[in-house]
N, C-alpha and C. Protein backbone atom coordinates (compact mmCIF):
# COMPACT_ATOMS: atom_id res chain seq x y z
N MET A 1 -37.41 15.58 -12.49
CA MET A 1 -36.53 16.71 -13.18
C MET A 1 -36.58 17.77 -12.13
N ASP A 2 -35.40 18.39 -11.95
CA ASP A 2 -35.08 19.50 -11.13
C ASP A 2 -35.16 20.78 -11.96
N THR A 3 -36.34 21.50 -12.05
CA THR A 3 -36.41 22.51 -12.95
C THR A 3 -35.58 23.59 -12.61
N GLU A 4 -35.51 24.02 -11.39
CA GLU A 4 -34.64 25.09 -10.82
C GLU A 4 -33.24 24.84 -11.00
N LYS A 5 -32.62 23.58 -11.15
CA LYS A 5 -31.33 23.19 -11.47
C LYS A 5 -31.12 23.53 -12.88
N SER A 6 -32.03 23.11 -13.65
CA SER A 6 -31.94 23.33 -15.16
C SER A 6 -31.82 24.90 -15.48
N ILE A 7 -32.76 25.63 -14.63
CA ILE A 7 -32.83 27.10 -15.09
C ILE A 7 -31.35 27.70 -14.74
N LYS A 8 -31.00 27.33 -13.44
CA LYS A 8 -29.70 27.86 -12.85
C LYS A 8 -28.58 27.49 -13.98
N ALA A 9 -28.58 26.30 -14.34
CA ALA A 9 -27.45 25.90 -15.22
C ALA A 9 -27.51 26.60 -16.64
N LEU A 10 -28.69 26.84 -17.31
CA LEU A 10 -28.91 27.61 -18.38
C LEU A 10 -28.40 29.14 -18.22
N GLN A 11 -28.96 29.69 -17.04
CA GLN A 11 -28.64 31.10 -16.87
C GLN A 11 -27.16 31.41 -16.47
N PHE A 12 -26.29 30.50 -16.08
CA PHE A 12 -25.07 30.55 -15.90
C PHE A 12 -24.36 30.65 -17.16
N PHE A 13 -24.73 29.77 -18.19
CA PHE A 13 -24.20 29.95 -19.57
C PHE A 13 -24.65 30.91 -20.32
N VAL A 14 -25.89 31.58 -20.10
CA VAL A 14 -26.45 32.75 -20.90
C VAL A 14 -25.60 33.80 -20.32
N THR A 15 -25.25 34.02 -19.15
CA THR A 15 -24.50 35.23 -18.65
C THR A 15 -23.06 35.18 -19.09
N GLY A 16 -22.33 33.86 -19.07
CA GLY A 16 -20.98 33.77 -19.66
C GLY A 16 -20.90 33.79 -21.22
N LEU A 17 -21.84 33.35 -21.77
CA LEU A 17 -22.00 33.20 -23.26
C LEU A 17 -22.10 34.68 -23.85
N THR A 18 -23.05 35.44 -23.15
CA THR A 18 -23.39 36.74 -23.63
C THR A 18 -22.17 37.53 -23.48
N GLU A 19 -21.41 37.53 -22.31
CA GLU A 19 -20.18 38.21 -22.29
C GLU A 19 -19.13 37.85 -23.27
N GLY A 20 -18.92 36.52 -23.46
CA GLY A 20 -17.87 36.09 -24.31
C GLY A 20 -18.33 36.52 -25.78
N ALA A 21 -19.53 36.43 -26.08
CA ALA A 21 -19.93 36.85 -27.44
C ALA A 21 -19.66 38.36 -27.70
N LEU A 22 -20.01 39.21 -26.80
CA LEU A 22 -19.84 40.47 -26.94
C LEU A 22 -18.27 40.99 -27.05
N VAL A 23 -17.54 40.19 -26.20
CA VAL A 23 -16.01 40.45 -26.36
C VAL A 23 -15.56 40.11 -27.74
N HIS A 24 -16.07 38.82 -28.24
CA HIS A 24 -15.74 38.30 -29.68
C HIS A 24 -16.25 39.49 -30.60
N ARG A 25 -17.27 40.17 -30.55
CA ARG A 25 -17.57 41.14 -31.49
C ARG A 25 -16.63 42.26 -31.43
N LEU A 26 -16.34 42.63 -30.37
CA LEU A 26 -15.46 43.95 -29.98
C LEU A 26 -14.20 43.55 -30.54
N GLN A 27 -13.54 42.29 -30.24
CA GLN A 27 -12.30 41.83 -30.56
C GLN A 27 -12.24 41.73 -31.97
N GLY A 28 -13.25 41.02 -32.73
CA GLY A 28 -13.26 40.88 -34.19
C GLY A 28 -13.24 42.35 -34.87
N GLN A 29 -14.03 43.25 -34.55
CA GLN A 29 -13.86 44.64 -35.12
C GLN A 29 -12.50 45.21 -35.00
N ALA A 30 -12.00 44.85 -33.79
CA ALA A 30 -10.56 45.72 -33.48
C ALA A 30 -9.49 44.91 -34.49
N LEU A 31 -9.56 43.43 -34.75
CA LEU A 31 -8.74 42.79 -35.43
C LEU A 31 -8.80 43.12 -36.87
N LYS A 32 -10.03 43.37 -37.42
CA LYS A 32 -10.28 43.82 -38.73
C LYS A 32 -9.80 45.09 -38.98
N ALA A 33 -9.84 46.16 -38.03
CA ALA A 33 -9.45 47.43 -38.10
C ALA A 33 -7.97 47.34 -38.09
N ALA A 34 -7.23 46.32 -37.50
CA ALA A 34 -5.70 46.33 -37.60
C ALA A 34 -5.35 45.53 -38.83
N GLY A 35 -6.19 45.36 -39.69
CA GLY A 35 -5.71 44.54 -40.77
C GLY A 35 -5.86 43.11 -40.86
N PHE A 36 -6.29 42.35 -39.68
CA PHE A 36 -6.36 41.04 -39.55
C PHE A 36 -7.87 40.50 -40.03
N THR A 37 -8.10 40.70 -41.18
CA THR A 37 -9.42 40.75 -41.91
C THR A 37 -10.08 39.31 -41.56
N LYS A 38 -9.54 38.19 -41.80
CA LYS A 38 -10.02 36.81 -41.77
C LYS A 38 -10.08 36.36 -40.33
N LEU A 39 -9.09 36.79 -39.40
CA LEU A 39 -9.29 36.46 -38.03
C LEU A 39 -10.44 37.40 -37.44
N GLY A 40 -10.45 38.63 -37.81
CA GLY A 40 -11.66 39.52 -37.25
C GLY A 40 -13.08 38.95 -37.84
N ASP A 41 -13.16 38.52 -39.05
CA ASP A 41 -14.43 38.02 -39.44
C ASP A 41 -14.63 36.56 -38.75
N LYS A 42 -13.76 35.83 -38.34
CA LYS A 42 -13.97 34.51 -37.64
C LYS A 42 -14.63 34.94 -36.25
N PHE A 43 -14.00 35.85 -35.62
CA PHE A 43 -14.46 36.29 -34.21
C PHE A 43 -15.89 36.93 -34.36
N LEU A 44 -16.24 37.82 -35.42
CA LEU A 44 -17.52 38.31 -35.61
C LEU A 44 -18.54 37.23 -35.89
N SER A 45 -18.16 36.21 -36.56
CA SER A 45 -18.97 34.93 -36.74
C SER A 45 -19.26 34.23 -35.56
N HIS A 46 -18.31 34.26 -34.67
CA HIS A 46 -18.39 33.69 -33.37
C HIS A 46 -19.45 34.37 -32.54
N PHE A 47 -19.59 35.77 -32.73
CA PHE A 47 -20.54 36.52 -31.90
C PHE A 47 -22.06 36.07 -32.28
N SER A 48 -22.09 35.99 -33.76
CA SER A 48 -23.46 35.52 -34.09
C SER A 48 -23.84 34.30 -33.75
N GLU A 49 -23.08 33.18 -33.77
CA GLU A 49 -23.20 32.01 -33.30
C GLU A 49 -23.43 31.71 -31.93
N GLU A 50 -22.65 32.44 -31.08
CA GLU A 50 -22.93 32.42 -29.68
C GLU A 50 -24.18 33.09 -29.43
N MET A 51 -24.54 34.32 -29.80
CA MET A 51 -25.77 34.71 -29.39
C MET A 51 -26.91 33.90 -29.89
N GLY A 52 -26.68 33.20 -30.81
CA GLY A 52 -27.81 31.95 -31.39
C GLY A 52 -28.02 31.07 -30.26
N TRP A 53 -26.83 30.60 -29.61
CA TRP A 53 -27.03 29.84 -28.36
C TRP A 53 -27.69 30.42 -27.21
N VAL A 54 -27.29 31.81 -26.97
CA VAL A 54 -27.80 32.32 -25.93
C VAL A 54 -29.43 32.52 -26.05
N GLU A 55 -29.95 32.78 -27.39
CA GLU A 55 -31.39 32.88 -27.65
C GLU A 55 -31.95 31.36 -27.37
N LYS A 56 -31.47 30.44 -27.84
CA LYS A 56 -31.95 28.98 -27.41
C LYS A 56 -32.00 28.78 -26.04
N MET A 57 -31.03 29.21 -25.12
CA MET A 57 -30.87 28.89 -23.82
C MET A 57 -31.92 29.64 -23.20
N GLN A 58 -32.13 30.96 -23.39
CA GLN A 58 -33.32 31.87 -23.06
C GLN A 58 -34.64 31.30 -23.26
N GLU A 59 -34.78 30.72 -24.46
CA GLU A 59 -36.06 30.12 -24.65
C GLU A 59 -36.32 28.82 -23.80
N ARG A 60 -35.24 28.03 -23.49
CA ARG A 60 -35.42 27.00 -22.74
C ARG A 60 -35.77 27.45 -21.25
N ILE A 61 -35.16 28.61 -20.82
CA ILE A 61 -35.48 29.01 -19.39
C ILE A 61 -36.91 29.45 -19.38
N LEU A 62 -37.34 30.19 -20.50
CA LEU A 62 -38.79 30.47 -20.33
C LEU A 62 -39.70 29.20 -20.57
N ASP A 63 -39.35 28.29 -21.26
CA ASP A 63 -40.12 27.13 -21.33
C ASP A 63 -40.34 26.51 -19.89
N LEU A 64 -39.09 26.56 -19.28
CA LEU A 64 -39.28 25.99 -17.91
C LEU A 64 -39.90 26.66 -16.85
N GLY A 65 -40.38 28.14 -17.27
CA GLY A 65 -41.02 28.85 -16.17
C GLY A 65 -40.12 29.83 -15.59
N GLY A 66 -38.96 29.96 -15.94
CA GLY A 66 -38.10 30.79 -15.47
C GLY A 66 -38.08 32.12 -16.18
N LYS A 67 -37.19 33.27 -15.62
CA LYS A 67 -36.98 34.31 -16.16
C LYS A 67 -35.55 34.65 -16.39
N PRO A 68 -35.25 34.88 -17.85
CA PRO A 68 -33.82 35.00 -17.98
C PRO A 68 -33.41 36.27 -17.40
N VAL A 69 -32.10 36.46 -16.98
CA VAL A 69 -31.80 37.73 -16.36
C VAL A 69 -30.49 38.18 -17.00
N PHE A 70 -30.40 39.46 -17.29
CA PHE A 70 -29.10 39.91 -17.92
C PHE A 70 -28.32 40.36 -16.59
N GLU A 71 -27.10 39.66 -16.44
CA GLU A 71 -26.45 40.01 -15.20
C GLU A 71 -25.20 40.82 -15.47
N GLY A 72 -25.13 41.55 -16.77
CA GLY A 72 -24.01 42.31 -16.87
C GLY A 72 -22.75 41.62 -17.38
N CYS A 73 -21.74 42.41 -17.60
CA CYS A 73 -20.37 42.05 -18.09
C CYS A 73 -19.21 42.58 -17.31
N LYS A 74 -18.29 41.76 -17.26
CA LYS A 74 -17.10 42.47 -16.57
C LYS A 74 -16.09 43.22 -17.68
N ALA A 75 -15.49 44.30 -17.03
CA ALA A 75 -14.70 44.96 -17.94
C ALA A 75 -13.56 44.15 -18.40
N ARG A 76 -13.23 44.20 -19.96
CA ARG A 76 -12.04 43.29 -20.24
C ARG A 76 -11.41 44.24 -21.31
N GLU A 77 -10.04 44.28 -21.38
CA GLU A 77 -9.29 45.04 -22.34
C GLU A 77 -9.47 44.24 -23.67
N ILE A 78 -9.25 44.97 -24.85
CA ILE A 78 -9.38 44.44 -26.17
C ILE A 78 -7.87 44.29 -26.38
N VAL A 79 -7.65 43.02 -26.86
CA VAL A 79 -6.15 42.53 -27.05
C VAL A 79 -5.90 42.89 -28.46
N GLU A 80 -4.69 43.69 -28.63
CA GLU A 80 -4.28 44.06 -30.00
C GLU A 80 -3.39 43.07 -30.64
N ASP A 81 -2.71 42.33 -30.00
CA ASP A 81 -1.81 41.18 -30.59
C ASP A 81 -2.68 40.05 -31.01
N PRO A 82 -2.94 39.73 -32.26
CA PRO A 82 -3.88 38.50 -32.59
C PRO A 82 -3.52 37.23 -32.14
N VAL A 83 -2.13 36.85 -31.98
CA VAL A 83 -1.66 35.67 -31.39
C VAL A 83 -2.06 35.57 -30.01
N ALA A 84 -1.83 36.69 -29.19
CA ALA A 84 -2.07 36.94 -27.87
C ALA A 84 -3.53 36.49 -27.49
N TYR A 85 -4.59 37.06 -28.46
CA TYR A 85 -5.93 37.07 -28.17
C TYR A 85 -6.29 35.45 -28.47
N ILE A 86 -5.85 34.96 -29.50
CA ILE A 86 -6.04 33.44 -29.72
C ILE A 86 -5.50 32.65 -28.51
N GLN A 87 -4.56 32.91 -27.96
CA GLN A 87 -4.02 32.17 -26.67
C GLN A 87 -4.93 32.42 -25.69
N GLU A 88 -5.49 33.68 -25.32
CA GLU A 88 -6.31 34.14 -24.25
C GLU A 88 -7.55 33.18 -24.37
N ASP A 89 -8.07 33.34 -25.75
CA ASP A 89 -9.42 32.71 -26.02
C ASP A 89 -9.28 31.17 -25.94
N LEU A 90 -8.22 30.63 -26.23
CA LEU A 90 -8.01 29.07 -25.83
C LEU A 90 -7.96 28.83 -24.53
N ALA A 91 -7.34 29.70 -23.56
CA ALA A 91 -7.26 29.41 -22.33
C ALA A 91 -8.83 29.36 -21.75
N ILE A 92 -9.44 30.37 -22.06
CA ILE A 92 -10.82 30.36 -21.74
C ILE A 92 -11.71 29.06 -22.30
N GLN A 93 -11.58 28.67 -23.49
CA GLN A 93 -11.99 27.52 -23.89
C GLN A 93 -11.72 26.27 -23.11
N GLU A 94 -10.50 26.12 -22.85
CA GLU A 94 -9.85 25.06 -22.16
C GLU A 94 -10.43 24.80 -20.79
N LYS A 95 -10.85 25.88 -20.12
CA LYS A 95 -11.57 25.93 -18.87
C LYS A 95 -13.22 25.48 -19.08
N GLY A 96 -13.70 26.34 -20.04
CA GLY A 96 -15.08 26.25 -20.44
C GLY A 96 -15.56 24.89 -20.83
N VAL A 97 -14.97 24.09 -21.62
CA VAL A 97 -15.46 23.04 -22.18
C VAL A 97 -15.56 21.94 -21.10
N PRO A 98 -14.71 21.56 -20.23
CA PRO A 98 -14.82 20.85 -19.18
C PRO A 98 -15.85 21.20 -18.17
N LEU A 99 -16.06 22.37 -17.97
CA LEU A 99 -17.16 22.96 -17.10
C LEU A 99 -18.52 22.59 -17.76
N LEU A 100 -18.66 22.97 -18.94
CA LEU A 100 -19.87 22.51 -19.79
C LEU A 100 -20.14 21.07 -19.35
N ARG A 101 -19.13 20.21 -19.61
CA ARG A 101 -19.47 18.74 -19.60
C ARG A 101 -19.97 18.57 -18.23
N GLU A 102 -19.42 19.04 -17.04
CA GLU A 102 -19.75 18.87 -15.59
C GLU A 102 -21.22 19.44 -15.63
N CYS A 103 -21.47 20.39 -16.09
CA CYS A 103 -22.88 21.00 -15.90
C CYS A 103 -23.78 20.13 -16.58
N MET A 104 -23.47 19.50 -17.63
CA MET A 104 -24.38 18.70 -18.49
C MET A 104 -24.75 17.34 -17.71
N ALA A 105 -23.79 16.94 -16.85
CA ALA A 105 -24.23 15.76 -15.85
C ALA A 105 -25.11 16.14 -14.87
N THR A 106 -25.26 17.23 -14.46
CA THR A 106 -26.15 17.79 -13.36
C THR A 106 -27.66 17.87 -14.01
N VAL A 107 -27.82 17.96 -15.28
CA VAL A 107 -29.18 18.03 -15.88
C VAL A 107 -29.51 17.00 -16.87
N CYS A 108 -28.81 15.79 -16.59
CA CYS A 108 -29.22 14.63 -17.60
C CYS A 108 -30.56 14.10 -17.27
N ASP A 109 -31.24 14.56 -16.23
CA ASP A 109 -32.67 14.03 -16.05
C ASP A 109 -33.63 15.16 -16.76
N ASP A 110 -33.14 16.12 -17.47
CA ASP A 110 -34.05 17.09 -18.28
C ASP A 110 -33.47 17.16 -19.72
N PRO A 111 -33.89 16.03 -20.52
CA PRO A 111 -33.46 15.84 -21.72
C PRO A 111 -33.44 17.07 -22.74
N LEU A 112 -34.30 17.94 -22.71
CA LEU A 112 -34.29 18.95 -23.54
C LEU A 112 -33.13 19.97 -23.17
N THR A 113 -32.98 20.26 -21.91
CA THR A 113 -31.91 21.26 -21.45
C THR A 113 -30.60 20.34 -21.71
N TYR A 114 -30.52 19.16 -21.46
CA TYR A 114 -29.25 18.31 -21.87
C TYR A 114 -28.97 18.48 -23.18
N ASP A 115 -29.85 18.39 -24.22
CA ASP A 115 -29.65 18.29 -25.58
C ASP A 115 -29.16 19.82 -26.10
N THR A 116 -29.70 20.63 -25.54
CA THR A 116 -29.35 21.97 -25.87
C THR A 116 -27.80 22.28 -25.40
N LEU A 117 -27.56 21.76 -24.14
CA LEU A 117 -26.16 21.99 -23.74
C LEU A 117 -25.21 21.06 -24.58
N LYS A 118 -25.70 19.92 -25.06
CA LYS A 118 -24.99 18.97 -25.73
C LYS A 118 -24.59 19.63 -27.10
N GLY A 119 -25.64 20.15 -27.77
CA GLY A 119 -25.39 21.04 -29.10
C GLY A 119 -24.33 22.00 -28.79
N TYR A 120 -24.41 22.85 -27.76
CA TYR A 120 -23.63 23.86 -27.50
C TYR A 120 -22.17 23.34 -27.20
N LEU A 121 -22.09 22.11 -26.58
CA LEU A 121 -20.89 21.47 -26.42
C LEU A 121 -20.14 21.10 -27.75
N ALA A 122 -20.60 20.64 -28.77
CA ALA A 122 -20.19 20.31 -30.00
C ALA A 122 -19.54 21.53 -30.65
N ASP A 123 -20.31 22.71 -30.50
CA ASP A 123 -19.88 23.86 -30.95
C ASP A 123 -18.65 24.37 -30.27
N GLU A 124 -18.50 24.37 -29.00
CA GLU A 124 -17.52 24.77 -28.27
C GLU A 124 -16.32 24.05 -28.35
N GLU A 125 -16.39 22.61 -28.54
CA GLU A 125 -15.28 21.63 -28.86
C GLU A 125 -14.78 22.10 -30.19
N GLU A 126 -15.48 22.36 -31.29
CA GLU A 126 -15.03 22.63 -32.57
C GLU A 126 -14.19 23.97 -32.42
N ASP A 127 -14.61 24.93 -31.72
CA ASP A 127 -13.92 26.35 -31.44
C ASP A 127 -12.52 25.88 -30.64
N LEU A 128 -12.61 25.10 -29.62
CA LEU A 128 -11.43 24.66 -28.99
C LEU A 128 -10.36 24.06 -29.85
N TYR A 129 -10.82 23.23 -30.80
CA TYR A 129 -9.70 22.42 -31.68
C TYR A 129 -9.11 23.41 -32.70
N TRP A 130 -10.12 24.40 -33.07
CA TRP A 130 -9.55 25.44 -34.07
C TRP A 130 -8.52 26.23 -33.38
N LEU A 131 -8.76 26.77 -32.06
CA LEU A 131 -7.84 27.55 -31.39
C LEU A 131 -6.50 26.78 -31.25
N ARG A 132 -6.65 25.67 -30.90
CA ARG A 132 -5.52 24.78 -30.58
C ARG A 132 -4.78 24.75 -31.94
N GLY A 133 -5.56 24.46 -33.03
CA GLY A 133 -4.72 24.20 -34.31
C GLY A 133 -3.95 25.50 -34.63
N GLN A 134 -4.67 26.83 -34.28
CA GLN A 134 -3.85 27.92 -34.55
C GLN A 134 -2.75 28.28 -33.92
N VAL A 135 -2.72 27.86 -32.63
CA VAL A 135 -1.48 27.94 -31.70
C VAL A 135 -0.45 27.19 -32.20
N GLU A 136 -0.80 25.78 -32.52
CA GLU A 136 0.24 24.90 -33.16
C GLU A 136 0.72 25.45 -34.38
N LEU A 137 -0.02 25.71 -35.32
CA LEU A 137 0.31 26.25 -36.79
C LEU A 137 1.22 27.60 -36.53
N CYS A 138 0.98 28.29 -35.66
CA CYS A 138 2.00 29.58 -35.36
C CYS A 138 3.19 29.12 -34.93
N GLY A 139 3.20 28.05 -34.07
CA GLY A 139 4.39 27.52 -33.55
C GLY A 139 5.36 26.95 -34.76
N LYS A 140 4.49 26.08 -35.65
CA LYS A 140 5.37 25.59 -36.73
C LYS A 140 5.75 26.62 -37.77
N LEU A 141 4.84 27.54 -38.05
CA LEU A 141 5.28 28.28 -39.25
C LEU A 141 6.18 29.53 -38.70
N GLY A 142 6.20 29.73 -37.43
CA GLY A 142 6.86 30.95 -36.90
C GLY A 142 5.80 32.36 -37.05
N LEU A 143 5.90 33.19 -36.23
CA LEU A 143 5.07 34.33 -36.23
C LEU A 143 5.06 35.03 -37.35
N GLN A 144 6.23 35.37 -38.23
CA GLN A 144 6.24 36.11 -39.39
C GLN A 144 5.68 35.33 -40.56
N ASN A 145 5.59 33.99 -40.54
CA ASN A 145 4.93 33.34 -41.68
C ASN A 145 3.48 33.06 -41.13
N TYR A 146 3.14 32.98 -39.93
CA TYR A 146 1.76 32.82 -39.54
C TYR A 146 0.89 34.10 -39.65
N LEU A 147 1.32 35.23 -39.23
CA LEU A 147 0.48 36.39 -39.34
C LEU A 147 -0.18 36.75 -40.67
N PRO A 148 0.43 36.46 -41.79
CA PRO A 148 -0.11 36.72 -43.12
C PRO A 148 -1.35 35.91 -43.39
N THR A 149 -1.37 34.62 -42.57
CA THR A 149 -2.52 33.93 -42.86
C THR A 149 -3.90 34.41 -42.27
N LEU A 150 -3.70 35.40 -41.34
CA LEU A 150 -4.87 36.02 -40.60
C LEU A 150 -5.35 37.39 -41.42
N VAL A 151 -4.57 37.77 -42.41
CA VAL A 151 -5.07 38.89 -43.15
C VAL A 151 -6.30 38.76 -44.04
C-alpha cells in the first residue's frame, strides 16, 4: 500500500469537497431567501452531507499518519437563477464523478481508503442523477411550470 498516494487522494477530495460544501450552504441560503425553499433546503442538506464526508476523509488521513490541510477556497459567485445553478452544479458533478472513479483505481491497494471513496461515489452518483432529473423535468414541464416545484 502506498500511504502517501492515499493521503494525497483523500486530501484532494477534502479540499474540493470543502469548497463545494461551503458553496452549497451559501447557495442554499440564497435560494431560500429568494423563495425557493425546497431547493434551498436540498442544497443546505448537501452541505451537511458533504461535510460528513470531509470528516471521514480527514479521519482516514489521520489514521494513515498524515495531516489534513485546509487549502482555502476559490471565489465563486452565488447564482440567483435556480435553474442556472442546477445546471452549473450538474456540470461540476459530471466532471467529478469520473474523476472520483479514476482516483479510486489508484488506491485499490488501500481497502479502507477505497471503501471511503466508494461510499462517497455512491452519494455523488445519487446527486448526479437527481440533478440530471431536475434538468430533464424542467425541459419537459417548461420553466413556468417547473419553478413552482422548487418553492
